[in-house]
């Protein structure tokens, strides 16, 4: 996949992570090429996995929101982790952003009453 290797992102340097975040954002535009969008989705999911592995609750929520906004296929395990840490988040705006992203996401289905 070019910049994103098959190796996990765990233990990578800060500069590498920053580069991956920039590349992920590049695929968010409406005029981005389909290949770039797919690469951005893969990067967003890999960054989300990394945040979950290191138990970075707030960062995982931010990365979940980013992945959903990119249209990435978020796994059930990723949703489950984020659903568990969402009530612990003190930033009401972030909680609301994540809930809105979850409601707008198609799969797995999240009902408004369930609120992620």
Protein backbone atom coordinates (compact mmCIF):
# COMPACT_ATOMS: atom_id res chain seq x y z
CA UNK A 1 0.00 0.00 0.00
CA UNK A 2 2.90 2.34 -0.55
CA UNK A 3 3.51 4.46 2.54
CA UNK A 4 1.57 2.11 4.79
CA UNK A 5 3.55 -1.09 5.19
CA UNK A 6 2.19 -4.43 6.27
CA UNK A 7 4.02 -4.03 9.60
CA UNK A 8 1.93 -2.67 12.46
CA UNK A 9 2.33 0.97 13.45
CA UNK A 10 3.29 0.08 17.03
CA UNK A 11 6.61 1.52 18.10
CA UNK A 12 7.02 3.79 15.09
CA UNK A 13 8.57 7.20 15.46
CA UNK A 14 6.57 10.35 15.97
CA UNK A 15 7.57 11.76 12.57
CA UNK A 16 6.28 8.62 10.82
CA UNK A 17 2.94 8.93 12.62
CA UNK A 18 2.66 12.60 11.69
CA UNK A 19 3.35 11.75 8.05
CA UNK A 20 0.67 9.06 8.11
CA UNK A 21 -1.85 11.46 9.66
CA UNK A 22 -1.14 14.01 6.91
CA UNK A 23 -1.55 11.34 4.26
CA UNK A 24 -4.83 10.21 5.81
CA UNK A 25 -6.14 13.79 5.70
CA UNK A 26 -5.17 14.07 2.04
CA UNK A 27 -7.80 11.47 1.13
CA UNK A 28 -10.60 13.31 2.88
CA UNK A 29 -11.30 15.80 0.10
CA UNK A 30 -14.24 15.31 -2.23
CA UNK A 31 -11.91 15.46 -5.22
CA UNK A 32 -9.41 12.89 -3.86
CA UNK A 33 -8.62 9.95 -6.14
CA UNK A 34 -10.28 6.64 -5.17
CA UNK A 35 -6.90 5.01 -4.48
CA UNK A 36 -5.95 7.85 -2.14
CA UNK A 37 -9.30 7.55 -0.34
CA UNK A 38 -8.72 3.82 0.22
CA UNK A 39 -5.21 4.46 1.47
CA UNK A 40 -6.48 7.17 3.80
CA UNK A 41 -9.10 4.81 5.20
CA UNK A 42 -6.49 2.10 5.81
CA UNK A 43 -4.22 4.57 7.57
CA UNK A 44 -7.07 5.89 9.72
CA UNK A 45 -7.94 2.36 10.81
CA UNK A 46 -4.30 1.54 11.55
CA UNK A 47 -3.96 4.69 13.66
CA UNK A 48 -7.19 3.79 15.48
CA UNK A 49 -5.83 0.30 16.19
CA UNK A 50 -2.64 1.82 17.56
CA UNK A 51 -4.57 4.13 19.88
CA UNK A 52 -6.66 1.21 21.13
CA UNK A 53 -3.58 -0.96 21.72
CA UNK A 54 -1.97 1.74 23.86
CA UNK A 55 -5.27 2.50 25.65
CA UNK A 56 -5.30 6.11 24.48
CA UNK A 57 -8.99 6.70 25.14
CA UNK A 58 -9.36 10.28 23.93
CA UNK A 59 -7.10 9.73 20.95
CA UNK A 60 -9.03 6.59 20.02
CA UNK A 61 -12.26 8.59 19.98
CA UNK A 62 -10.69 11.27 17.79
CA UNK A 63 -9.35 8.63 15.43
CA UNK A 64 -12.68 6.81 15.34
CA UNK A 65 -14.34 10.07 14.31
CA UNK A 66 -11.71 10.59 11.61
CA UNK A 67 -12.07 7.02 10.31
CA UNK A 68 -15.85 7.33 10.13
CA UNK A 69 -15.61 10.67 8.34
CA UNK A 70 -13.30 9.03 5.77
CA UNK A 71 -15.84 6.24 5.28
CA UNK A 72 -13.51 3.55 6.62
CA UNK A 73 -15.01 0.15 7.54
CA UNK A 74 -14.64 0.34 11.33
CA UNK A 75 -14.61 -3.13 12.92
CA UNK A 76 -16.93 -4.29 15.67
CA UNK A 77 -13.96 -4.53 18.05
CA UNK A 78 -13.01 -0.91 17.36
CA UNK A 79 -16.60 0.24 17.92
CA UNK A 80 -16.81 -1.78 21.13
CA UNK A 81 -13.67 -0.22 22.59
CA UNK A 82 -14.76 3.30 21.69
CA UNK A 83 -18.27 2.70 22.98
CA UNK A 84 -16.76 1.63 26.30
CA UNK A 85 -14.54 4.69 26.71
CA UNK A 86 -17.00 7.28 25.40
CA UNK A 87 -18.75 7.80 28.78
CA UNK A 88 -15.35 8.43 30.39
CA UNK A 89 -14.60 11.35 28.04
CA UNK A 90 -15.04 14.69 29.83
CA UNK A 91 -15.05 16.80 26.67
CA UNK A 92 -18.74 17.10 25.84
CA UNK A 93 -18.03 18.45 22.36
CA UNK A 94 -15.89 15.42 21.49
CA UNK A 95 -18.55 13.06 22.86
CA UNK A 96 -21.18 14.79 20.72
CA UNK A 97 -18.92 14.66 17.63
CA UNK A 98 -18.32 10.93 18.07
CA UNK A 99 -22.02 10.27 18.63
CA UNK A 100 -22.91 12.23 15.49
CA UNK A 101 -20.29 10.33 13.49
CA UNK A 102 -21.62 7.02 14.80
CA UNK A 103 -25.20 7.89 13.91
CA UNK A 104 -24.16 8.83 10.38
CA UNK A 105 -22.16 5.64 9.93
CA UNK A 106 -23.95 2.78 8.21
CA UNK A 107 -22.27 -0.35 9.56
CA UNK A 108 -22.49 -1.59 12.24
CA UNK A 109 -25.86 0.06 12.73
CA UNK A 110 -26.08 2.40 15.68
CA UNK A 111 -29.50 3.66 16.66
CA UNK A 112 -29.91 7.21 17.94
CA UNK A 113 -31.36 5.94 21.21
CA UNK A 114 -28.30 3.74 21.74
CA UNK A 115 -25.91 6.71 21.31
CA UNK A 116 -22.86 4.67 20.34
